[in-house]
Amino acid sequence: AETTFSPTVTLTTWIREGAAETDVETALDALMAAHPWEIPVIE
């Protein structure tokens, strides 16, 4: 119930054209596992 401000860095990267979906899922899963937020913001 308290307004919070978080210092944040936004990283934007790109998925390689033609990347196998299994490789994409592995990469996205690694990002999710390393992210500390209860609800990670990864778009």
ModelCIF file with pLDDT and N, C-alpha, C, O atoms, coordinates in Angstrom:
data_MODEL
#
_entry.id   MODEL 
#
_entity.id                         1 
_entity.type                       polymer 
_entity.pdbx_number_of_molecules   1 
#
_entity_poly.entity_id                      1 
_entity_poly.type                           'polypeptide(L)' 
_entity_poly.nstd_linkage                   no 
_entity_poly.nstd_monomer                   no 
_entity_poly.pdbx_seq_one_letter_code       AETTFSPTVTLTTWIREGAAETDVETALDALMAAHPWEIPVIE 
_entity_poly.pdbx_seq_one_letter_code_can   AETTFSPTVTLTTWIREGAAETDVETALDALMAAHPWEIPVIE 
_entity_poly.pdbx_strand_id                 A 
#
loop_
_entity_poly_seq.entity_id 
_entity_poly_seq.num 
_entity_poly_seq.mon_id 
_entity_poly_seq.hetero 
1 1  ALA n 
1 2  GLU n 
1 3  THR n 
1 4  THR n 
1 5  PHE n 
1 6  SER n 
1 7  PRO n 
1 8  THR n 
1 9  VAL n 
1 10 THR n 
1 11 LEU n 
1 12 THR n 
1 13 THR n 
1 14 TRP n 
1 15 ILE n 
1 16 ARG n 
1 17 GLU n 
1 18 GLY n 
1 19 ALA n 
1 20 ALA n 
1 21 GLU n 
1 22 THR n 
1 23 ASP n 
1 24 VAL n 
1 25 GLU n 
1 26 THR n 
1 27 ALA n 
1 28 LEU n 
1 29 ASP n 
1 30 ALA n 
1 31 LEU n 
1 32 MET n 
1 33 ALA n 
1 34 ALA n 
1 35 HIS n 
1 36 PRO n 
1 37 TRP n 
1 38 GLU n 
1 39 ILE n 
1 40 PRO n 
1 41 VAL n 
1 42 ILE n 
1 43 GLU n 
#
_struct_asym.id          A 
_struct_asym.entity_id   1 
#
loop_
_ma_qa_metric.id 
_ma_qa_metric.mode 
_ma_qa_metric.name 
_ma_qa_metric.software_group_id 
_ma_qa_metric.type 
1 global pLDDT . pLDDT 
2 local  pLDDT . pLDDT 
#
_ma_qa_metric_global.metric_id      1 
_ma_qa_metric_global.metric_value   95.84 
_ma_qa_metric_global.model_id       1 
_ma_qa_metric_global.ordinal_id     1 
#
loop_
_ma_qa_metric_local.label_asym_id 
_ma_qa_metric_local.label_comp_id 
_ma_qa_metric_local.label_seq_id 
_ma_qa_metric_local.metric_id 
_ma_qa_metric_local.metric_value 
_ma_qa_metric_local.model_id 
_ma_qa_metric_local.ordinal_id 
A ALA 1  2 93.00 1 1  
A GLU 2  2 95.00 1 2  
A THR 3  2 97.00 1 3  
A THR 4  2 95.00 1 4  
A PHE 5  2 96.00 1 5  
A SER 6  2 95.00 1 6  
A PRO 7  2 97.00 1 7  
A THR 8  2 97.00 1 8  
A VAL 9  2 98.00 1 9  
A THR 10 2 98.00 1 10 
A LEU 11 2 98.00 1 11 
A THR 12 2 98.00 1 12 
A THR 13 2 98.00 1 13 
A TRP 14 2 97.00 1 14 
A ILE 15 2 96.00 1 15 
A ARG 16 2 87.00 1 16 
A GLU 17 2 84.00 1 17 
A GLY 18 2 90.00 1 18 
A ALA 19 2 93.00 1 19 
A ALA 20 2 95.00 1 20 
A GLU 21 2 96.00 1 21 
A THR 22 2 97.00 1 22 
A ASP 23 2 96.00 1 23 
A VAL 24 2 97.00 1 24 
A GLU 25 2 97.00 1 25 
A THR 26 2 97.00 1 26 
A ALA 27 2 97.00 1 27 
A LEU 28 2 98.00 1 28 
A ASP 29 2 98.00 1 29 
A ALA 30 2 98.00 1 30 
A LEU 31 2 98.00 1 31 
A MET 32 2 98.00 1 32 
A ALA 33 2 98.00 1 33 
A ALA 34 2 97.00 1 34 
A HIS 35 2 97.00 1 35 
A PRO 36 2 96.00 1 36 
A TRP 37 2 94.00 1 37 
A GLU 38 2 93.00 1 38 
A ILE 39 2 94.00 1 39 
A PRO 40 2 96.00 1 40 
A VAL 41 2 96.00 1 41 
A ILE 42 2 98.00 1 42 
A GLU 43 2 98.00 1 43 
#
loop_
_atom_site.group_PDB 
_atom_site.id 
_atom_site.type_symbol 
_atom_site.label_atom_id 
_atom_site.label_alt_id 
_atom_site.label_comp_id 
_atom_site.label_asym_id 
_atom_site.label_entity_id 
_atom_site.label_seq_id 
_atom_site.pdbx_PDB_ins_code 
_atom_site.Cartn_x 
_atom_site.Cartn_y 
_atom_site.Cartn_z 
_atom_site.occupancy 
_atom_site.B_iso_or_equiv 
_atom_site.pdbx_formal_charge 
_atom_site.auth_seq_id 
_atom_site.auth_comp_id 
_atom_site.auth_asym_id 
_atom_site.auth_atom_id 
_atom_site.pdbx_PDB_model_num 
ATOM 1   N N  . ALA A 1 1  ? 0.799  -1.226  0.000   1.00 93.00 ? 1  ALA A N  1 
ATOM 2   C CA . ALA A 1 1  ? 0.000  0.000   0.000   1.00 93.00 ? 1  ALA A CA 1 
ATOM 3   C C  . ALA A 1 1  ? 0.835  1.281   0.000   1.00 93.00 ? 1  ALA A C  1 
ATOM 4   O O  . ALA A 1 1  ? 0.281  2.365   0.183   1.00 93.00 ? 1  ALA A O  1 
ATOM 5   N N  . GLU A 1 2  ? 2.139  1.187   -0.198  1.00 95.00 ? 2  GLU A N  1 
ATOM 6   C CA . GLU A 1 2  ? 2.992  2.379   -0.257  1.00 95.00 ? 2  GLU A CA 1 
ATOM 7   C C  . GLU A 1 2  ? 3.570  2.527   -1.660  1.00 95.00 ? 2  GLU A C  1 
ATOM 8   O O  . GLU A 1 2  ? 4.047  1.558   -2.250  1.00 95.00 ? 2  GLU A O  1 
ATOM 9   N N  . THR A 1 3  ? 3.523  3.746   -2.186  1.00 97.00 ? 3  THR A N  1 
ATOM 10  C CA . THR A 1 3  ? 4.142  4.013   -3.483  1.00 97.00 ? 3  THR A CA 1 
ATOM 11  C C  . THR A 1 3  ? 5.650  3.806   -3.357  1.00 97.00 ? 3  THR A C  1 
ATOM 12  O O  . THR A 1 3  ? 6.297  4.332   -2.451  1.00 97.00 ? 3  THR A O  1 
ATOM 13  N N  . THR A 1 4  ? 6.177  3.042   -4.272  1.00 95.00 ? 4  THR A N  1 
ATOM 14  C CA . THR A 1 4  ? 7.598  2.692   -4.254  1.00 95.00 ? 4  THR A CA 1 
ATOM 15  C C  . THR A 1 4  ? 8.232  3.124   -5.567  1.00 95.00 ? 4  THR A C  1 
ATOM 16  O O  . THR A 1 4  ? 7.616  3.031   -6.629  1.00 95.00 ? 4  THR A O  1 
ATOM 17  N N  . PHE A 1 5  ? 9.464  3.595   -5.484  1.00 96.00 ? 5  PHE A N  1 
ATOM 18  C CA . PHE A 1 5  ? 10.245 3.942   -6.673  1.00 96.00 ? 5  PHE A CA 1 
ATOM 19  C C  . PHE A 1 5  ? 11.453 3.030   -6.705  1.00 96.00 ? 5  PHE A C  1 
ATOM 20  O O  . PHE A 1 5  ? 12.162 2.884   -5.709  1.00 96.00 ? 5  PHE A O  1 
ATOM 21  N N  . SER A 1 6  ? 11.682 2.421   -7.851  1.00 95.00 ? 6  SER A N  1 
ATOM 22  C CA . SER A 1 6  ? 12.772 1.464   -8.005  1.00 95.00 ? 6  SER A CA 1 
ATOM 23  C C  . SER A 1 6  ? 13.746 1.964   -9.065  1.00 95.00 ? 6  SER A C  1 
ATOM 24  O O  . SER A 1 6  ? 13.338 2.202   -10.202 1.00 95.00 ? 6  SER A O  1 
ATOM 25  N N  . PRO A 1 7  ? 15.046 2.132   -8.718  1.00 97.00 ? 7  PRO A N  1 
ATOM 26  C CA . PRO A 1 7  ? 16.024 2.405   -9.761  1.00 97.00 ? 7  PRO A CA 1 
ATOM 27  C C  . PRO A 1 7  ? 16.073 1.188   -10.687 1.00 97.00 ? 7  PRO A C  1 
ATOM 28  O O  . PRO A 1 7  ? 16.214 0.053   -10.232 1.00 97.00 ? 7  PRO A O  1 
ATOM 29  N N  . THR A 1 8  ? 15.956 1.440   -11.973 1.00 97.00 ? 8  THR A N  1 
ATOM 30  C CA . THR A 1 8  ? 15.795 0.346   -12.932 1.00 97.00 ? 8  THR A CA 1 
ATOM 31  C C  . THR A 1 8  ? 16.611 0.611   -14.193 1.00 97.00 ? 8  THR A C  1 
ATOM 32  O O  . THR A 1 8  ? 16.702 1.743   -14.668 1.00 97.00 ? 8  THR A O  1 
ATOM 33  N N  . VAL A 1 9  ? 17.190 -0.438  -14.716 1.00 98.00 ? 9  VAL A N  1 
ATOM 34  C CA . VAL A 1 9  ? 17.825 -0.399  -16.026 1.00 98.00 ? 9  VAL A CA 1 
ATOM 35  C C  . VAL A 1 9  ? 16.986 -1.278  -16.939 1.00 98.00 ? 9  VAL A C  1 
ATOM 36  O O  . VAL A 1 9  ? 16.661 -2.413  -16.588 1.00 98.00 ? 9  VAL A O  1 
ATOM 37  N N  . THR A 1 10 ? 16.637 -0.762  -18.103 1.00 98.00 ? 10 THR A N  1 
ATOM 38  C CA . THR A 1 10 ? 15.895 -1.566  -19.077 1.00 98.00 ? 10 THR A CA 1 
ATOM 39  C C  . THR A 1 10 ? 16.875 -2.012  -20.156 1.00 98.00 ? 10 THR A C  1 
ATOM 40  O O  . THR A 1 10 ? 17.503 -1.192  -20.826 1.00 98.00 ? 10 THR A O  1 
ATOM 41  N N  . LEU A 1 11 ? 16.991 -3.317  -20.308 1.00 98.00 ? 11 LEU A N  1 
ATOM 42  C CA . LEU A 1 11 ? 17.821 -3.904  -21.364 1.00 98.00 ? 11 LEU A CA 1 
ATOM 43  C C  . LEU A 1 11 ? 16.904 -4.326  -22.496 1.00 98.00 ? 11 LEU A C  1 
ATOM 44  O O  . LEU A 1 11 ? 15.914 -5.023  -22.276 1.00 98.00 ? 11 LEU A O  1 
ATOM 45  N N  . THR A 1 12 ? 17.231 -3.906  -23.691 1.00 98.00 ? 12 THR A N  1 
ATOM 46  C CA . THR A 1 12 ? 16.509 -4.375  -24.871 1.00 98.00 ? 12 THR A CA 1 
ATOM 47  C C  . THR A 1 12 ? 17.490 -5.144  -25.734 1.00 98.00 ? 12 THR A C  1 
ATOM 48  O O  . THR A 1 12 ? 18.568 -4.650  -26.066 1.00 98.00 ? 12 THR A O  1 
ATOM 49  N N  . THR A 1 13 ? 17.104 -6.353  -26.090 1.00 98.00 ? 13 THR A N  1 
ATOM 50  C CA . THR A 1 13 ? 17.912 -7.167  -26.986 1.00 98.00 ? 13 THR A CA 1 
ATOM 51  C C  . THR A 1 13 ? 16.964 -7.775  -28.017 1.00 98.00 ? 13 THR A C  1 
ATOM 52  O O  . THR A 1 13 ? 15.762 -7.513  -27.985 1.00 98.00 ? 13 THR A O  1 
ATOM 53  N N  . TRP A 1 14 ? 17.483 -8.561  -28.905 1.00 97.00 ? 14 TRP A N  1 
ATOM 54  C CA . TRP A 1 14 ? 16.678 -9.106  -29.985 1.00 97.00 ? 14 TRP A CA 1 
ATOM 55  C C  . TRP A 1 14 ? 16.923 -10.594 -30.124 1.00 97.00 ? 14 TRP A C  1 
ATOM 56  O O  . TRP A 1 14 ? 18.035 -11.078 -29.912 1.00 97.00 ? 14 TRP A O  1 
ATOM 57  N N  . ILE A 1 15 ? 15.878 -11.309 -30.481 1.00 96.00 ? 15 ILE A N  1 
ATOM 58  C CA . ILE A 1 15 ? 15.985 -12.743 -30.723 1.00 96.00 ? 15 ILE A CA 1 
ATOM 59  C C  . ILE A 1 15 ? 16.485 -12.933 -32.146 1.00 96.00 ? 15 ILE A C  1 
ATOM 60  O O  . ILE A 1 15 ? 15.934 -12.393 -33.105 1.00 96.00 ? 15 ILE A O  1 
ATOM 61  N N  . ARG A 1 16 ? 17.544 -13.718 -32.244 1.00 87.00 ? 16 ARG A N  1 
ATOM 62  C CA . ARG A 1 16 ? 18.172 -13.961 -33.548 1.00 87.00 ? 16 ARG A CA 1 
ATOM 63  C C  . ARG A 1 16 ? 17.173 -14.531 -34.547 1.00 87.00 ? 16 ARG A C  1 
ATOM 64  O O  . ARG A 1 16 ? 16.420 -15.452 -34.229 1.00 87.00 ? 16 ARG A O  1 
ATOM 65  N N  . GLU A 1 17 ? 17.172 -13.987 -35.735 1.00 84.00 ? 17 GLU A N  1 
ATOM 66  C CA . GLU A 1 17 ? 16.304 -14.483 -36.804 1.00 84.00 ? 17 GLU A CA 1 
ATOM 67  C C  . GLU A 1 17 ? 16.641 -15.949 -37.077 1.00 84.00 ? 17 GLU A C  1 
ATOM 68  O O  . GLU A 1 17 ? 17.809 -16.300 -37.245 1.00 84.00 ? 17 GLU A O  1 
ATOM 69  N N  . GLY A 1 18 ? 15.637 -16.785 -37.120 1.00 90.00 ? 18 GLY A N  1 
ATOM 70  C CA . GLY A 1 18 ? 15.841 -18.193 -37.391 1.00 90.00 ? 18 GLY A CA 1 
ATOM 71  C C  . GLY A 1 18 ? 16.265 -19.009 -36.182 1.00 90.00 ? 18 GLY A C  1 
ATOM 72  O O  . GLY A 1 18 ? 16.574 -20.194 -36.313 1.00 90.00 ? 18 GLY A O  1 
ATOM 73  N N  . ALA A 1 19 ? 16.284 -18.395 -35.008 1.00 93.00 ? 19 ALA A N  1 
ATOM 74  C CA . ALA A 1 19 ? 16.671 -19.133 -33.799 1.00 93.00 ? 19 ALA A CA 1 
ATOM 75  C C  . ALA A 1 19 ? 15.665 -20.247 -33.529 1.00 93.00 ? 19 ALA A C  1 
ATOM 76  O O  . ALA A 1 19 ? 14.458 -20.047 -33.663 1.00 93.00 ? 19 ALA A O  1 
ATOM 77  N N  . ALA A 1 20 ? 16.159 -21.403 -33.153 1.00 95.00 ? 20 ALA A N  1 
ATOM 78  C CA . ALA A 1 20 ? 15.277 -22.524 -32.817 1.00 95.00 ? 20 ALA A CA 1 
ATOM 79  C C  . ALA A 1 20 ? 14.450 -22.144 -31.593 1.00 95.00 ? 20 ALA A C  1 
ATOM 80  O O  . ALA A 1 20 ? 14.969 -21.549 -30.648 1.00 95.00 ? 20 ALA A O  1 
ATOM 81  N N  . GLU A 1 21 ? 13.180 -22.485 -31.609 1.00 96.00 ? 21 GLU A N  1 
ATOM 82  C CA . GLU A 1 21 ? 12.295 -22.119 -30.497 1.00 96.00 ? 21 GLU A CA 1 
ATOM 83  C C  . GLU A 1 21 ? 12.759 -22.727 -29.183 1.00 96.00 ? 21 GLU A C  1 
ATOM 84  O O  . GLU A 1 21 ? 12.532 -22.142 -28.124 1.00 96.00 ? 21 GLU A O  1 
ATOM 85  N N  . THR A 1 22 ? 13.401 -23.883 -29.226 1.00 97.00 ? 22 THR A N  1 
ATOM 86  C CA . THR A 1 22 ? 13.924 -24.459 -27.980 1.00 97.00 ? 22 THR A CA 1 
ATOM 87  C C  . THR A 1 22 ? 15.030 -23.572 -27.413 1.00 97.00 ? 22 THR A C  1 
ATOM 88  O O  . THR A 1 22 ? 15.125 -23.411 -26.196 1.00 97.00 ? 22 THR A O  1 
ATOM 89  N N  . ASP A 1 23 ? 15.871 -22.991 -28.282 1.00 96.00 ? 23 ASP A N  1 
ATOM 90  C CA . ASP A 1 23 ? 16.921 -22.069 -27.834 1.00 96.00 ? 23 ASP A CA 1 
ATOM 91  C C  . ASP A 1 23 ? 16.317 -20.781 -27.282 1.00 96.00 ? 23 ASP A C  1 
ATOM 92  O O  . ASP A 1 23 ? 16.799 -20.240 -26.287 1.00 96.00 ? 23 ASP A O  1 
ATOM 93  N N  . VAL A 1 24 ? 15.268 -20.297 -27.926 1.00 97.00 ? 24 VAL A N  1 
ATOM 94  C CA . VAL A 1 24 ? 14.577 -19.085 -27.459 1.00 97.00 ? 24 VAL A CA 1 
ATOM 95  C C  . VAL A 1 24 ? 13.985 -19.334 -26.083 1.00 97.00 ? 24 VAL A C  1 
ATOM 96  O O  . VAL A 1 24 ? 14.150 -18.513 -25.181 1.00 97.00 ? 24 VAL A O  1 
ATOM 97  N N  . GLU A 1 25 ? 13.299 -20.458 -25.910 1.00 97.00 ? 25 GLU A N  1 
ATOM 98  C CA . GLU A 1 25 ? 12.685 -20.776 -24.617 1.00 97.00 ? 25 GLU A CA 1 
ATOM 99  C C  . GLU A 1 25 ? 13.742 -20.941 -23.530 1.00 97.00 ? 25 GLU A C  1 
ATOM 100 O O  . GLU A 1 25 ? 13.533 -20.516 -22.394 1.00 97.00 ? 25 GLU A O  1 
ATOM 101 N N  . THR A 1 26 ? 14.875 -21.556 -23.869 1.00 97.00 ? 26 THR A N  1 
ATOM 102 C CA . THR A 1 26 ? 15.964 -21.707 -22.905 1.00 97.00 ? 26 THR A CA 1 
ATOM 103 C C  . THR A 1 26 ? 16.472 -20.337 -22.466 1.00 97.00 ? 26 THR A C  1 
ATOM 104 O O  . THR A 1 26 ? 16.691 -20.111 -21.277 1.00 97.00 ? 26 THR A O  1 
ATOM 105 N N  . ALA A 1 27 ? 16.657 -19.432 -23.405 1.00 97.00 ? 27 ALA A N  1 
ATOM 106 C CA . ALA A 1 27 ? 17.140 -18.086 -23.093 1.00 97.00 ? 27 ALA A CA 1 
ATOM 107 C C  . ALA A 1 27 ? 16.126 -17.322 -22.239 1.00 97.00 ? 27 ALA A C  1 
ATOM 108 O O  . ALA A 1 27 ? 16.501 -16.688 -21.253 1.00 97.00 ? 27 ALA A O  1 
ATOM 109 N N  . LEU A 1 28 ? 14.852 -17.378 -22.607 1.00 98.00 ? 28 LEU A N  1 
ATOM 110 C CA . LEU A 1 28 ? 13.818 -16.667 -21.851 1.00 98.00 ? 28 LEU A CA 1 
ATOM 111 C C  . LEU A 1 28 ? 13.658 -17.268 -20.452 1.00 98.00 ? 28 LEU A C  1 
ATOM 112 O O  . LEU A 1 28 ? 13.457 -16.537 -19.482 1.00 98.00 ? 28 LEU A O  1 
ATOM 113 N N  . ASP A 1 29 ? 13.745 -18.593 -20.346 1.00 98.00 ? 29 ASP A N  1 
ATOM 114 C CA . ASP A 1 29 ? 13.688 -19.243 -19.036 1.00 98.00 ? 29 ASP A CA 1 
ATOM 115 C C  . ASP A 1 29 ? 14.855 -18.801 -18.152 1.00 98.00 ? 29 ASP A C  1 
ATOM 116 O O  . ASP A 1 29 ? 14.681 -18.611 -16.948 1.00 98.00 ? 29 ASP A O  1 
ATOM 117 N N  . ALA A 1 30 ? 16.043 -18.638 -18.741 1.00 98.00 ? 30 ALA A N  1 
ATOM 118 C CA . ALA A 1 30 ? 17.212 -18.191 -17.974 1.00 98.00 ? 30 ALA A CA 1 
ATOM 119 C C  . ALA A 1 30 ? 16.999 -16.768 -17.459 1.00 98.00 ? 30 ALA A C  1 
ATOM 120 O O  . ALA A 1 30 ? 17.346 -16.460 -16.318 1.00 98.00 ? 30 ALA A O  1 
ATOM 121 N N  . LEU A 1 31 ? 16.429 -15.900 -18.299 1.00 98.00 ? 31 LEU A N  1 
ATOM 122 C CA . LEU A 1 31 ? 16.135 -14.531 -17.854 1.00 98.00 ? 31 LEU A CA 1 
ATOM 123 C C  . LEU A 1 31 ? 15.139 -14.537 -16.697 1.00 98.00 ? 31 LEU A C  1 
ATOM 124 O O  . LEU A 1 31 ? 15.324 -13.831 -15.706 1.00 98.00 ? 31 LEU A O  1 
ATOM 125 N N  . MET A 1 32 ? 14.084 -15.337 -16.830 1.00 98.00 ? 32 MET A N  1 
ATOM 126 C CA . MET A 1 32 ? 13.072 -15.403 -15.767 1.00 98.00 ? 32 MET A CA 1 
ATOM 127 C C  . MET A 1 32 ? 13.676 -15.934 -14.466 1.00 98.00 ? 32 MET A C  1 
ATOM 128 O O  . MET A 1 32 ? 13.373 -15.421 -13.388 1.00 98.00 ? 32 MET A O  1 
ATOM 129 N N  . ALA A 1 33 ? 14.519 -16.949 -14.559 1.00 98.00 ? 33 ALA A N  1 
ATOM 130 C CA . ALA A 1 33 ? 15.116 -17.546 -13.363 1.00 98.00 ? 33 ALA A CA 1 
ATOM 131 C C  . ALA A 1 33 ? 16.055 -16.568 -12.650 1.00 98.00 ? 33 ALA A C  1 
ATOM 132 O O  . ALA A 1 33 ? 16.166 -16.598 -11.425 1.00 98.00 ? 33 ALA A O  1 
ATOM 133 N N  . ALA A 1 34 ? 16.725 -15.707 -13.407 1.00 97.00 ? 34 ALA A N  1 
ATOM 134 C CA . ALA A 1 34 ? 17.681 -14.763 -12.818 1.00 97.00 ? 34 ALA A CA 1 
ATOM 135 C C  . ALA A 1 34 ? 17.023 -13.494 -12.296 1.00 97.00 ? 34 ALA A C  1 
ATOM 136 O O  . ALA A 1 34 ? 17.640 -12.740 -11.543 1.00 97.00 ? 34 ALA A O  1 
ATOM 137 N N  . HIS A 1 35 ? 15.787 -13.254 -12.685 1.00 97.00 ? 35 HIS A N  1 
ATOM 138 C CA . HIS A 1 35 ? 15.107 -12.001 -12.310 1.00 97.00 ? 35 HIS A CA 1 
ATOM 139 C C  . HIS A 1 35 ? 14.577 -12.088 -10.879 1.00 97.00 ? 35 HIS A C  1 
ATOM 140 O O  . HIS A 1 35 ? 13.903 -13.060 -10.536 1.00 97.00 ? 35 HIS A O  1 
ATOM 141 N N  . PRO A 1 36 ? 14.867 -11.094 -10.040 1.00 96.00 ? 36 PRO A N  1 
ATOM 142 C CA . PRO A 1 36 ? 14.494 -11.172 -8.632  1.00 96.00 ? 36 PRO A CA 1 
ATOM 143 C C  . PRO A 1 36 ? 13.054 -10.772 -8.299  1.00 96.00 ? 36 PRO A C  1 
ATOM 144 O O  . PRO A 1 36 ? 12.586 -11.059 -7.197  1.00 96.00 ? 36 PRO A O  1 
ATOM 145 N N  . TRP A 1 37 ? 12.349 -10.125 -9.211  1.00 94.00 ? 37 TRP A N  1 
ATOM 146 C CA . TRP A 1 37 ? 11.011 -9.643  -8.885  1.00 94.00 ? 37 TRP A CA 1 
ATOM 147 C C  . TRP A 1 37 ? 10.005 -10.779 -8.778  1.00 94.00 ? 37 TRP A C  1 
ATOM 148 O O  . TRP A 1 37 ? 10.124 -11.802 -9.452  1.00 94.00 ? 37 TRP A O  1 
ATOM 149 N N  . GLU A 1 38 ? 9.034  -10.583 -7.936  1.00 93.00 ? 38 GLU A N  1 
ATOM 150 C CA . GLU A 1 38 ? 7.933  -11.531 -7.780  1.00 93.00 ? 38 GLU A CA 1 
ATOM 151 C C  . GLU A 1 38 ? 7.202  -11.715 -9.117  1.00 93.00 ? 38 GLU A C  1 
ATOM 152 O O  . GLU A 1 38 ? 6.830  -12.829 -9.485  1.00 93.00 ? 38 GLU A O  1 
ATOM 153 N N  . ILE A 1 39 ? 7.008  -10.616 -9.824  1.00 94.00 ? 39 ILE A N  1 
ATOM 154 C CA . ILE A 1 39 ? 6.421  -10.642 -11.167 1.00 94.00 ? 39 ILE A CA 1 
ATOM 155 C C  . ILE A 1 39 ? 7.399  -9.926  -12.096 1.00 94.00 ? 39 ILE A C  1 
ATOM 156 O O  . ILE A 1 39 ? 7.312  -8.709  -12.256 1.00 94.00 ? 39 ILE A O  1 
ATOM 157 N N  . PRO A 1 40 ? 8.335  -10.668 -12.714 1.00 96.00 ? 40 PRO A N  1 
ATOM 158 C CA . PRO A 1 40 ? 9.307  -10.025 -13.606 1.00 96.00 ? 40 PRO A CA 1 
ATOM 159 C C  . PRO A 1 40 ? 8.612  -9.309  -14.760 1.00 96.00 ? 40 PRO A C  1 
ATOM 160 O O  . PRO A 1 40 ? 7.591  -9.766  -15.273 1.00 96.00 ? 40 PRO A O  1 
ATOM 161 N N  . VAL A 1 41 ? 9.190  -8.175  -15.156 1.00 96.00 ? 41 VAL A N  1 
ATOM 162 C CA . VAL A 1 41 ? 8.681  -7.458  -16.323 1.00 96.00 ? 41 VAL A CA 1 
ATOM 163 C C  . VAL A 1 41 ? 9.672  -7.713  -17.458 1.00 96.00 ? 41 VAL A C  1 
ATOM 164 O O  . VAL A 1 41 ? 10.708 -7.059  -17.574 1.00 96.00 ? 41 VAL A O  1 
ATOM 165 N N  . ILE A 1 42 ? 9.313  -8.682  -18.281 1.00 98.00 ? 42 ILE A N  1 
ATOM 166 C CA . ILE A 1 42 ? 10.101 -9.054  -19.457 1.00 98.00 ? 42 ILE A CA 1 
ATOM 167 C C  . ILE A 1 42 ? 9.123  -9.114  -20.621 1.00 98.00 ? 42 ILE A C  1 
ATOM 168 O O  . ILE A 1 42 ? 8.218  -9.948  -20.647 1.00 98.00 ? 42 ILE A O  1 
ATOM 169 N N  . GLU A 1 43 ? 9.315  -8.230  -21.572 1.00 98.00 ? 43 GLU A N  1 
ATOM 170 C CA . GLU A 1 43 ? 8.399  -8.119  -22.706 1.00 98.00 ? 43 GLU A CA 1 
ATOM 171 C C  . GLU A 1 43 ? 9.026  -8.736  -23.948 1.00 98.00 ? 43 GLU A C  1 
ATOM 172 O O  . GLU A 1 43 ? 8.409  -8.743  -25.013 1.00 98.00 ? 43 GLU A O  1 
#
